[in-house]
Amino acid sequence: MTNEEAAAAEMAIHREGIDRIDLQLLALLNERTKIVEKIGRVKQAASLPVYEPKREDAVYRNVLDHNEGPLTSDAVRRIFERIIDEMRTLQRQRSS
């Protein structure tokens, strides 16, 4: 087996791991979305705003305080900003 073939075989194994984790992430994101939908219904019934900056700050604090790397804090924040933005969009669409 050449070095290139060995590298390809090793990468295939790692990529299988990534594919498995991606499906776990997808399942967790969908689980999170279901909870966000419930919160959105509560907000709508109580005429509360979708955007809650204090709650979003608490989410960031929570994940950043528990980040052990190798993702940087900036990377974690950007990922969660995107997740929260998508969840906020979903709540707005459901309340329209």
PDB file of N, CA and C in Angstrom:
ATOM      1  N   MET A   1       0.853  -1.173   0.000  1.00  0.00           N
ATOM      2  CA  MET A   1       0.000   0.000   0.000  1.00  0.00           C
ATOM      3  C   MET A   1       0.901   1.239   0.000  1.00  0.00           C
ATOM      4  N   THR A   2       0.599   2.185  -0.876  1.00  0.00           N
ATOM      5  CA  THR A   2       1.380   3.417  -0.946  1.00  0.00           C
ATOM      6  C   THR A   2       0.974   4.353   0.187  1.00  0.00           C
ATOM      7  N   ASN A   3       1.796   5.368   0.409  1.00  0.00           N
ATOM      8  CA  ASN A   3       1.465   6.381   1.424  1.00  0.00           C
ATOM      9  C   ASN A   3       0.135   7.046   1.102  1.00  0.00           C
ATOM     10  N   GLU A   4      -0.088   7.302  -0.191  1.00  0.00           N
ATOM     11  CA  GLU A   4      -1.343   7.944  -0.598  1.00  0.00           C
ATOM     12  C   GLU A   4      -2.533   7.042  -0.316  1.00  0.00           C
ATOM     13  N   GLU A   5      -2.393   5.758  -0.577  1.00  0.00           N
ATOM     14  CA  GLU A   5      -3.478   4.805  -0.308  1.00  0.00           C
ATOM     15  C   GLU A   5      -3.728   4.673   1.198  1.00  0.00           C
ATOM     16  N   ALA A   6      -2.655   4.650   1.970  1.00  0.00           N
ATOM     17  CA  ALA A   6      -2.791   4.558   3.421  1.00  0.00           C
ATOM     18  C   ALA A   6      -3.477   5.806   3.970  1.00  0.00           C
ATOM     19  N   ALA A   7      -3.087   6.958   3.431  1.00  0.00           N
ATOM     20  CA  ALA A   7      -3.716   8.208   3.869  1.00  0.00           C
ATOM     21  C   ALA A   7      -5.187   8.216   3.506  1.00  0.00           C
ATOM     22  N   ALA A   8      -5.513   7.763   2.302  1.00  0.00           N
ATOM     23  CA  ALA A   8      -6.912   7.726   1.865  1.00  0.00           C
ATOM     24  C   ALA A   8      -7.728   6.787   2.751  1.00  0.00           C
ATOM     25  N   ALA A   9      -7.157   5.659   3.109  1.00  0.00           N
ATOM     26  CA  ALA A   9      -7.861   4.701   3.972  1.00  0.00           C
ATOM     27  C   ALA A   9      -8.089   5.289   5.359  1.00  0.00           C
ATOM     28  N   GLU A  10      -7.075   5.944   5.897  1.00  0.00           N
ATOM     29  CA  GLU A  10      -7.217   6.554   7.222  1.00  0.00           C
ATOM     30  C   GLU A  10      -8.231   7.692   7.202  1.00  0.00           C
ATOM     31  N   MET A  11      -8.187   8.521   6.150  1.00  0.00           N
ATOM     32  CA  MET A  11      -9.161   9.617   6.045  1.00  0.00           C
ATOM     33  C   MET A  11     -10.577   9.078   5.922  1.00  0.00           C
ATOM     34  N   ALA A  12     -10.748   7.971   5.209  1.00  0.00           N
ATOM     35  CA  ALA A  12     -12.086   7.376   5.064  1.00  0.00           C
ATOM     36  C   ALA A  12     -12.646   6.982   6.427  1.00  0.00           C
ATOM     37  N   ILE A  13     -11.801   6.433   7.268  1.00  0.00           N
ATOM     38  CA  ILE A  13     -12.240   6.051   8.619  1.00  0.00           C
ATOM     39  C   ILE A  13     -12.660   7.294   9.405  1.00  0.00           C
ATOM     40  N   HIS A  14     -11.839   8.330   9.345  1.00  0.00           N
ATOM     41  CA  HIS A  14     -12.162   9.568  10.070  1.00  0.00           C
ATOM     42  C   HIS A  14     -13.422  10.218   9.508  1.00  0.00           C
ATOM     43  N   ARG A  15     -13.587  10.162   8.201  1.00  0.00           N
ATOM     44  CA  ARG A  15     -14.773  10.765   7.586  1.00  0.00           C
ATOM     45  C   ARG A  15     -16.044  10.023   7.962  1.00  0.00           C
ATOM     46  N   GLU A  16     -15.943   8.720   8.159  1.00  0.00           N
ATOM     47  CA  GLU A  16     -17.097   7.958   8.658  1.00  0.00           C
ATOM     48  C   GLU A  16     -17.488   8.468  10.042  1.00  0.00           C
ATOM     49  N   GLY A  17     -16.491   8.763  10.856  1.00  0.00           N
ATOM     50  CA  GLY A  17     -16.755   9.326  12.184  1.00  0.00           C
ATOM     51  C   GLY A  17     -17.426  10.681  12.085  1.00  0.00           C
ATOM     52  N   ILE A  18     -16.956  11.515  11.159  1.00  0.00           N
ATOM     53  CA  ILE A  18     -17.576  12.829  10.953  1.00  0.00           C
ATOM     54  C   ILE A  18     -19.016  12.669  10.505  1.00  0.00           C
ATOM     55  N   ASP A  19     -19.263  11.746   9.575  1.00  0.00           N
ATOM     56  CA  ASP A  19     -20.634  11.530   9.089  1.00  0.00           C
ATOM     57  C   ASP A  19     -21.560  11.105  10.226  1.00  0.00           C
ATOM     58  N   ARG A  20     -21.059  10.235  11.097  1.00  0.00           N
ATOM     59  CA  ARG A  20     -21.864   9.763  12.236  1.00  0.00           C
ATOM     60  C   ARG A  20     -22.162  10.934  13.187  1.00  0.00           C
ATOM     61  N   ILE A  21     -21.152  11.739  13.485  1.00  0.00           N
ATOM     62  CA  ILE A  21     -21.330  12.883  14.381  1.00  0.00           C
ATOM     63  C   ILE A  21     -22.248  13.917  13.757  1.00  0.00           C
ATOM     64  N   ASP A  22     -22.134  14.130  12.437  1.00  0.00           N
ATOM     65  CA  ASP A  22     -23.034  15.076  11.761  1.00  0.00           C
ATOM     66  C   ASP A  22     -24.492  14.682  11.948  1.00  0.00           C
ATOM     67  N   LEU A  23     -24.774  13.392  11.886  1.00  0.00           N
ATOM     68  CA  LEU A  23     -26.162  12.945  12.085  1.00  0.00           C
ATOM     69  C   LEU A  23     -26.600  13.146  13.534  1.00  0.00           C
ATOM     70  N   GLN A  24     -25.669  12.979  14.474  1.00  0.00           N
ATOM     71  CA  GLN A  24     -25.991  13.245  15.875  1.00  0.00           C
ATOM     72  C   GLN A  24     -26.264  14.730  16.084  1.00  0.00           C
ATOM     73  N   LEU A  25     -25.433  15.577  15.476  1.00  0.00           N
ATOM     74  CA  LEU A  25     -25.652  17.027  15.568  1.00  0.00           C
ATOM     75  C   LEU A  25     -27.006  17.405  14.979  1.00  0.00           C
ATOM     76  N   LEU A  26     -27.334  16.824  13.848  1.00  0.00           N
ATOM     77  CA  LEU A  26     -28.624  17.102  13.212  1.00  0.00           C
ATOM     78  C   LEU A  26     -29.780  16.715  14.127  1.00  0.00           C
ATOM     79  N   ALA A  27     -29.683  15.551  14.731  1.00  0.00           N
ATOM     80  CA  ALA A  27     -30.743  15.105  15.653  1.00  0.00           C
ATOM     81  C   ALA A  27     -30.857  16.061  16.843  1.00  0.00           C
ATOM     82  N   LEU A  28     -29.728  16.492  17.389  1.00  0.00           N
ATOM     83  CA  LEU A  28     -29.747  17.427  18.521  1.00  0.00           C
ATOM     84  C   LEU A  28     -30.296  18.792  18.115  1.00  0.00           C
ATOM     85  N   LEU A  29     -29.930  19.263  16.931  1.00  0.00           N
ATOM     86  CA  LEU A  29     -30.464  20.551  16.458  1.00  0.00           C
ATOM     87  C   LEU A  29     -31.977  20.471  16.259  1.00  0.00           C
ATOM     88  N   ASN A  30     -32.460  19.362  15.739  1.00  0.00           N
ATOM     89  CA  ASN A  30     -33.906  19.206  15.571  1.00  0.00           C
ATOM     90  C   ASN A  30     -34.609  19.094  16.922  1.00  0.00           C
ATOM     91  N   GLU A  31     -33.967  18.452  17.884  1.00  0.00           N
ATOM     92  CA  GLU A  31     -34.528  18.378  19.238  1.00  0.00           C
ATOM     93  C   GLU A  31     -34.593  19.780  19.848  1.00  0.00           C
ATOM     94  N   ARG A  32     -33.538  20.555  19.657  1.00  0.00           N
ATOM     95  CA  ARG A  32     -33.502  21.936  20.152  1.00  0.00           C
ATOM     96  C   ARG A  32     -34.595  22.762  19.476  1.00  0.00           C
ATOM     97  N   THR A  33     -34.778  22.552  18.198  1.00  0.00           N
ATOM     98  CA  THR A  33     -35.788  23.292  17.441  1.00  0.00           C
ATOM     99  C   THR A  33     -37.191  23.005  17.963  1.00  0.00           C
ATOM    100  N   LYS A  34     -37.466  21.775  18.312  1.00  0.00           N
ATOM    101  CA  LYS A  34     -38.787  21.432  18.861  1.00  0.00           C
ATOM    102  C   LYS A  34     -39.051  22.194  20.156  1.00  0.00           C
ATOM    103  N   ILE A  35     -38.029  22.334  20.982  1.00  0.00           N
ATOM    104  CA  ILE A  35     -38.186  23.090  22.223  1.00  0.00           C
ATOM    105  C   ILE A  35     -38.376  24.570  21.912  1.00  0.00           C
ATOM    106  N   VAL A  36     -37.612  25.083  20.954  1.00  0.00           N
ATOM    107  CA  VAL A  36     -37.753  26.488  20.545  1.00  0.00           C
ATOM    108  C   VAL A  36     -39.165  26.748  20.028  1.00  0.00           C
ATOM    109  N   GLU A  37     -39.729  25.804  19.304  1.00  0.00           N
ATOM    110  CA  GLU A  37     -41.105  25.966  18.820  1.00  0.00           C
ATOM    111  C   GLU A  37     -42.079  26.078  19.986  1.00  0.00           C
ATOM    112  N   LYS A  38     -41.873  25.280  21.025  1.00  0.00           N
ATOM    113  CA  LYS A  38     -42.740  25.354  22.211  1.00  0.00           C
ATOM    114  C   LYS A  38     -42.606  26.716  22.880  1.00  0.00           C
ATOM    115  N   ILE A  39     -41.372  27.193  23.013  1.00  0.00           N
ATOM    116  CA  ILE A  39     -41.146  28.512  23.601  1.00  0.00           C
ATOM    117  C   ILE A  39     -41.800  29.587  22.744  1.00  0.00           C
ATOM    118  N   GLY A  40     -41.705  29.437  21.432  1.00  0.00           N
ATOM    119  CA  GLY A  40     -42.327  30.395  20.521  1.00  0.00           C
ATOM    120  C   GLY A  40     -43.834  30.467  20.707  1.00  0.00           C
ATOM    121  N   ARG A  41     -44.465  29.322  20.923  1.00  0.00           N
ATOM    122  CA  ARG A  41     -45.920  29.312  21.147  1.00  0.00           C
ATOM    123  C   ARG A  41     -46.272  30.028  22.451  1.00  0.00           C
ATOM    124  N   VAL A  42     -45.456  29.812  23.479  1.00  0.00           N
ATOM    125  CA  VAL A  42     -45.678  30.495  24.760  1.00  0.00           C
ATOM    126  C   VAL A  42     -45.520  32.001  24.579  1.00  0.00           C
ATOM    127  N   LYS A  43     -44.458  32.403  23.887  1.00  0.00           N
ATOM    128  CA  LYS A  43     -44.227  33.827  23.639  1.00  0.00           C
ATOM    129  C   LYS A  43     -45.392  34.439  22.862  1.00  0.00           C
ATOM    130  N   GLN A  44     -45.833  33.738  21.840  1.00  0.00           N
ATOM    131  CA  GLN A  44     -46.932  34.266  21.014  1.00  0.00           C
ATOM    132  C   GLN A  44     -48.205  34.411  21.841  1.00  0.00           C
ATOM    133  N   ALA A  45     -48.518  33.414  22.644  1.00  0.00           N
ATOM    134  CA  ALA A  45     -49.728  33.467  23.471  1.00  0.00           C
ATOM    135  C   ALA A  45     -49.662  34.602  24.487  1.00  0.00           C
ATOM    136  N   ALA A  46     -48.471  34.912  24.955  1.00  0.00           N
ATOM    137  CA  ALA A  46     -48.299  35.960  25.962  1.00  0.00           C
ATOM    138  C   ALA A  46     -47.912  37.300  25.334  1.00  0.00           C
ATOM    139  N   SER A  47     -47.905  37.365  24.006  1.00  0.00           N
ATOM    140  CA  SER A  47     -47.507  38.582  23.269  1.00  0.00           C
ATOM    141  C   SER A  47     -46.120  39.084  23.678  1.00  0.00           C
ATOM    142  N   LEU A  48     -45.207  38.137  23.847  1.00  0.00           N
ATOM    143  CA  LEU A  48     -43.825  38.473  24.194  1.00  0.00           C
ATOM    144  C   LEU A  48     -42.977  38.565  22.927  1.00  0.00           C
ATOM    145  N   PRO A  49     -41.916  39.357  22.949  1.00  0.00           N
ATOM    146  CA  PRO A  49     -41.073  39.481  21.760  1.00  0.00           C
ATOM    147  C   PRO A  49     -40.265  38.209  21.496  1.00  0.00           C
ATOM    148  N   VAL A  50     -39.981  37.976  20.236  1.00  0.00           N
ATOM    149  CA  VAL A  50     -39.151  36.831  19.854  1.00  0.00           C
ATOM    150  C   VAL A  50     -37.723  37.062  20.328  1.00  0.00           C
ATOM    151  N   TYR A  51     -37.222  38.266  20.129  1.00  0.00           N
ATOM    152  CA  TYR A  51     -35.834  38.577  20.459  1.00  0.00           C
ATOM    153  C   TYR A  51     -35.679  38.855  21.939  1.00  0.00           C
ATOM    154  N   GLU A  52     -34.839  38.078  22.607  1.00  0.00           N
ATOM    155  CA  GLU A  52     -34.556  38.249  24.039  1.00  0.00           C
ATOM    156  C   GLU A  52     -33.042  38.326  24.229  1.00  0.00           C
ATOM    157  N   PRO A  53     -32.485  39.530  24.152  1.00  0.00           N
ATOM    158  CA  PRO A  53     -31.030  39.651  24.228  1.00  0.00           C
ATOM    159  C   PRO A  53     -30.423  39.097  25.515  1.00  0.00           C
ATOM    160  N   LYS A  54     -31.106  39.243  26.645  1.00  0.00           N
ATOM    161  CA  LYS A  54     -30.555  38.722  27.904  1.00  0.00           C
ATOM    162  C   LYS A  54     -30.470  37.200  27.875  1.00  0.00           C
ATOM    163  N   ARG A  55     -31.493  36.563  27.301  1.00  0.00           N
ATOM    164  CA  ARG A  55     -31.469  35.101  27.209  1.00  0.00           C
ATOM    165  C   ARG A  55     -30.367  34.648  26.260  1.00  0.00           C
ATOM    166  N   GLU A  56     -30.222  35.353  25.140  1.00  0.00           N
ATOM    167  CA  GLU A  56     -29.164  34.987  24.196  1.00  0.00           C
ATOM    168  C   GLU A  56     -27.796  35.127  24.844  1.00  0.00           C
ATOM    169  N   ASP A  57     -27.598  36.189  25.618  1.00  0.00           N
ATOM    170  CA  ASP A  57     -26.330  36.356  26.334  1.00  0.00           C
ATOM    171  C   ASP A  57     -26.094  35.198  27.307  1.00  0.00           C
ATOM    172  N   ALA A  58     -27.161  34.731  27.950  1.00  0.00           N
ATOM    173  CA  ALA A  58     -27.043  33.610  28.884  1.00  0.00           C
ATOM    174  C   ALA A  58     -26.641  32.331  28.144  1.00  0.00           C
ATOM    175  N   VAL A  59     -27.181  32.138  26.948  1.00  0.00           N
ATOM    176  CA  VAL A  59     -26.811  30.968  26.141  1.00  0.00           C
ATOM    177  C   VAL A  59     -25.327  31.035  25.790  1.00  0.00           C
ATOM    178  N   TYR A  60     -24.882  32.193  25.328  1.00  0.00           N
ATOM    179  CA  TYR A  60     -23.462  32.347  24.991  1.00  0.00           C
ATOM    180  C   TYR A  60     -22.572  32.092  26.203  1.00  0.00           C
ATOM    181  N   ARG A  61     -22.943  32.675  27.341  1.00  0.00           N
ATOM    182  CA  ARG A  61     -22.166  32.489  28.561  1.00  0.00           C
ATOM    183  C   ARG A  61     -22.080  31.003  28.919  1.00  0.00           C
ATOM    184  N   ASN A  62     -23.198  30.317  28.817  1.00  0.00           N
ATOM    185  CA  ASN A  62     -23.251  28.898  29.154  1.00  0.00           C
ATOM    186  C   ASN A  62     -22.296  28.087  28.290  1.00  0.00           C
ATOM    187  N   VAL A  63     -22.389  28.256  26.981  1.00  0.00           N
ATOM    188  CA  VAL A  63     -21.544  27.432  26.109  1.00  0.00           C
ATOM    189  C   VAL A  63     -20.075  27.842  26.191  1.00  0.00           C
ATOM    190  N   LEU A  64     -19.824  29.135  26.326  1.00  0.00           N
ATOM    191  CA  LEU A  64     -18.431  29.579  26.411  1.00  0.00           C
ATOM    192  C   LEU A  64     -17.786  29.145  27.722  1.00  0.00           C
ATOM    193  N   ASP A  65     -18.550  29.168  28.809  1.00  0.00           N
ATOM    194  CA  ASP A  65     -18.015  28.731  30.095  1.00  0.00           C
ATOM    195  C   ASP A  65     -17.695  27.236  30.110  1.00  0.00           C
ATOM    196  N   HIS A  66     -18.361  26.473  29.247  1.00  0.00           N
ATOM    197  CA  HIS A  66     -18.155  25.023  29.217  1.00  0.00           C
ATOM    198  C   HIS A  66     -17.296  24.554  28.049  1.00  0.00           C
ATOM    199  N   ASN A  67     -16.827  25.475  27.233  1.00  0.00           N
ATOM    200  CA  ASN A  67     -16.005  25.101  26.093  1.00  0.00           C
ATOM    201  C   ASN A  67     -14.614  24.698  26.560  1.00  0.00           C
ATOM    202  N   GLU A  68     -14.245  23.474  26.255  1.00  0.00           N
ATOM    203  CA  GLU A  68     -12.916  22.975  26.613  1.00  0.00           C
ATOM    204  C   GLU A  68     -12.020  22.834  25.388  1.00  0.00           C
ATOM    205  N   GLY A  69     -12.488  23.328  24.235  1.00  0.00           N
ATOM    206  CA  GLY A  69     -11.674  23.287  23.031  1.00  0.00           C
ATOM    207  C   GLY A  69     -11.694  21.932  22.370  1.00  0.00           C
ATOM    208  N   PRO A  70     -11.129  21.833  21.226  1.00  0.00           N
ATOM    209  CA  PRO A  70     -10.197  22.757  20.610  1.00  0.00           C
ATOM    210  C   PRO A  70     -10.838  23.954  19.891  1.00  0.00           C
ATOM    211  N   LEU A  71     -12.164  24.008  19.829  1.00  0.00           N
ATOM    212  CA  LEU A  71     -12.780  25.195  19.225  1.00  0.00           C
ATOM    213  C   LEU A  71     -12.458  26.422  20.076  1.00  0.00           C
ATOM    214  N   THR A  72     -12.125  27.510  19.414  1.00  0.00           N
ATOM    215  CA  THR A  72     -11.886  28.757  20.142  1.00  0.00           C
ATOM    216  C   THR A  72     -13.211  29.330  20.622  1.00  0.00           C
ATOM    217  N   SER A  73     -13.141  30.213  21.586  1.00  0.00           N
ATOM    218  CA  SER A  73     -14.350  30.881  22.075  1.00  0.00           C
ATOM    219  C   SER A  73     -15.027  31.653  20.956  1.00  0.00           C
ATOM    220  N   ASP A  74     -14.242  32.317  20.115  1.00  0.00           N
ATOM    221  CA  ASP A  74     -14.816  33.060  18.994  1.00  0.00           C
ATOM    222  C   ASP A  74     -15.569  32.137  18.046  1.00  0.00           C
ATOM    223  N   ALA A  75     -14.999  30.973  17.785  1.00  0.00           N
ATOM    224  CA  ALA A  75     -15.651  30.016  16.886  1.00  0.00           C
ATOM    225  C   ALA A  75     -16.959  29.512  17.495  1.00  0.00           C
ATOM    226  N   VAL A  76     -16.929  29.189  18.779  1.00  0.00           N
ATOM    227  CA  VAL A  76     -18.137  28.709  19.463  1.00  0.00           C
ATOM    228  C   VAL A  76     -19.216  29.782  19.408  1.00  0.00           C
ATOM    229  N   ARG A  77     -18.833  31.001  19.686  1.00  0.00           N
ATOM    230  CA  ARG A  77     -19.804  32.103  19.670  1.00  0.00           C
ATOM    231  C   ARG A  77     -20.414  32.253  18.277  1.00  0.00           C
ATOM    232  N   ARG A  78     -19.588  32.218  17.237  1.00  0.00           N
ATOM    233  CA  ARG A  78     -20.121  32.358  15.873  1.00  0.00           C
ATOM    234  C   ARG A  78     -21.092  31.219  15.532  1.00  0.00           C
ATOM    235  N   ILE A  79     -20.752  30.007  15.929  1.00  0.00           N
ATOM    236  CA  ILE A  79     -21.633  28.862  15.663  1.00  0.00           C
ATOM    237  C   ILE A  79     -22.967  29.063  16.369  1.00  0.00           C
ATOM    238  N   PHE A  80     -22.918  29.447  17.633  1.00  0.00           N
ATOM    239  CA  PHE A  80     -24.163  29.623  18.382  1.00  0.00           C
ATOM    240  C   PHE A  80     -24.934  30.870  17.945  1.00  0.00           C
ATOM    241  N   GLU A  81     -24.245  31.887  17.476  1.00  0.00           N
ATOM    242  CA  GLU A  81     -24.954  33.037  16.896  1.00  0.00           C
ATOM    243  C   GLU A  81     -25.785  32.582  15.713  1.00  0.00           C
ATOM    244  N   ARG A  82     -25.222  31.724  14.902  1.00  0.00           N
ATOM    245  CA  ARG A  82     -25.948  31.226  13.718  1.00  0.00           C
ATOM    246  C   ARG A  82     -27.128  30.354  14.136  1.00  0.00           C
ATOM    247  N   ILE A  83     -26.899  29.472  15.098  1.00  0.00           N
ATOM    248  CA  ILE A  83     -27.984  28.605  15.578  1.00  0.00           C
ATOM    249  C   ILE A  83     -29.117  29.457  16.138  1.00  0.00           C
ATOM    250  N   ILE A  84     -28.782  30.412  16.992  1.00  0.00           N
ATOM    251  CA  ILE A  84     -29.803  31.267  17.599  1.00  0.00           C
ATOM    252  C   ILE A  84     -30.527  32.083  16.542  1.00  0.00           C
ATOM    253  N   ASP A  85     -29.800  32.598  15.570  1.00  0.00           N
ATOM    254  CA  ASP A  85     -30.422  33.366  14.490  1.00  0.00           C
ATOM    255  C   ASP A  85     -31.445  32.518  13.728  1.00  0.00           C
ATOM    256  N   GLU A  86     -31.094  31.273  13.450  1.00  0.00           N
ATOM    257  CA  GLU A  86     -32.032  30.379  12.753  1.00  0.00           C
ATOM    258  C   GLU A  86     -33.246  30.076  13.617  1.00  0.00           C
ATOM    259  N   MET A  87     -33.045  29.915  14.912  1.00  0.00           N
ATOM    260  CA  MET A  87     -34.163  29.640  15.818  1.00  0.00           C
ATOM    261  C   MET A  87     -35.083  30.856  15.927  1.00  0.00           C
ATOM    262  N   ARG A  88     -34.495  32.033  15.971  1.00  0.00           N
ATOM    263  CA  ARG A  88     -35.287  33.266  16.021  1.00  0.00           C
ATOM    264  C   ARG A  88     -36.103  33.409  14.736  1.00  0.00           C
ATOM    265  N   THR A  89     -35.487  33.124  13.609  1.00  0.00           N
ATOM    266  CA  THR A  89     -36.200  33.176  12.322  1.00  0.00           C
ATOM    267  C   THR A  89     -37.375  32.213  12.327  1.00  0.00           C
ATOM    268  N   LEU A  90     -37.161  31.025  12.837  1.00  0.00           N
ATOM    269  CA  LEU A  90     -38.215  30.017  12.919  1.00  0.00           C
ATOM    270  C   LEU A  90     -39.375  30.527  13.781  1.00  0.00           C
ATOM    271  N   GLN A  91     -39.056  31.117  14.927  1.00  0.00           N
ATOM    272  CA  GLN A  91     -40.124  31.649  15.795  1.00  0.00           C
ATOM    273  C   GLN A  91     -40.902  32.746  15.095  1.00  0.00           C
ATOM    274  N   ARG A  92     -40.209  33.599  14.386  1.00  0.00           N
ATOM    275  CA  ARG A  92     -40.905  34.686  13.661  1.00  0.00           C
ATOM    276  C   ARG A  92     -41.804  34.136  12.568  1.00  0.00           C
ATOM    277  N   GLN A  93     -41.339  33.140  11.843  1.00  0.00           N
ATOM    278  CA  GLN A  93     -42.133  32.545  10.776  1.00  0.00           C
ATOM    279  C   GLN A  93     -43.380  31.857  11.344  1.00  0.00           C
ATOM    280  N   ARG A  94     -43.227  31.201  12.464  1.00  0.00           N
ATOM    281  CA  ARG A  94     -44.359  30.492  13.080  1.00  0.00           C
ATOM    282  C   ARG A  94     -45.396  31.457  13.650  1.00  0.00           C
ATOM    283  N   SER A  95     -44.953  32.658  14.015  1.00  0.00           N
ATOM    284  CA  SER A  95     -45.893  33.599  14.633  1.00  0.00           C
ATOM    285  C   SER A  95     -46.556  34.512  13.585  1.00  0.00           C
ATOM    286  N   SER A  96     -46.150  34.387  12.346  1.00  0.00           N
ATOM    287  CA  SER A  96     -46.737  35.236  11.301  1.00  0.00           C
ATOM    288  C   SER A  96     -48.081  34.725  10.857  1.00  0.00           C
TER     289      SER A  96
END
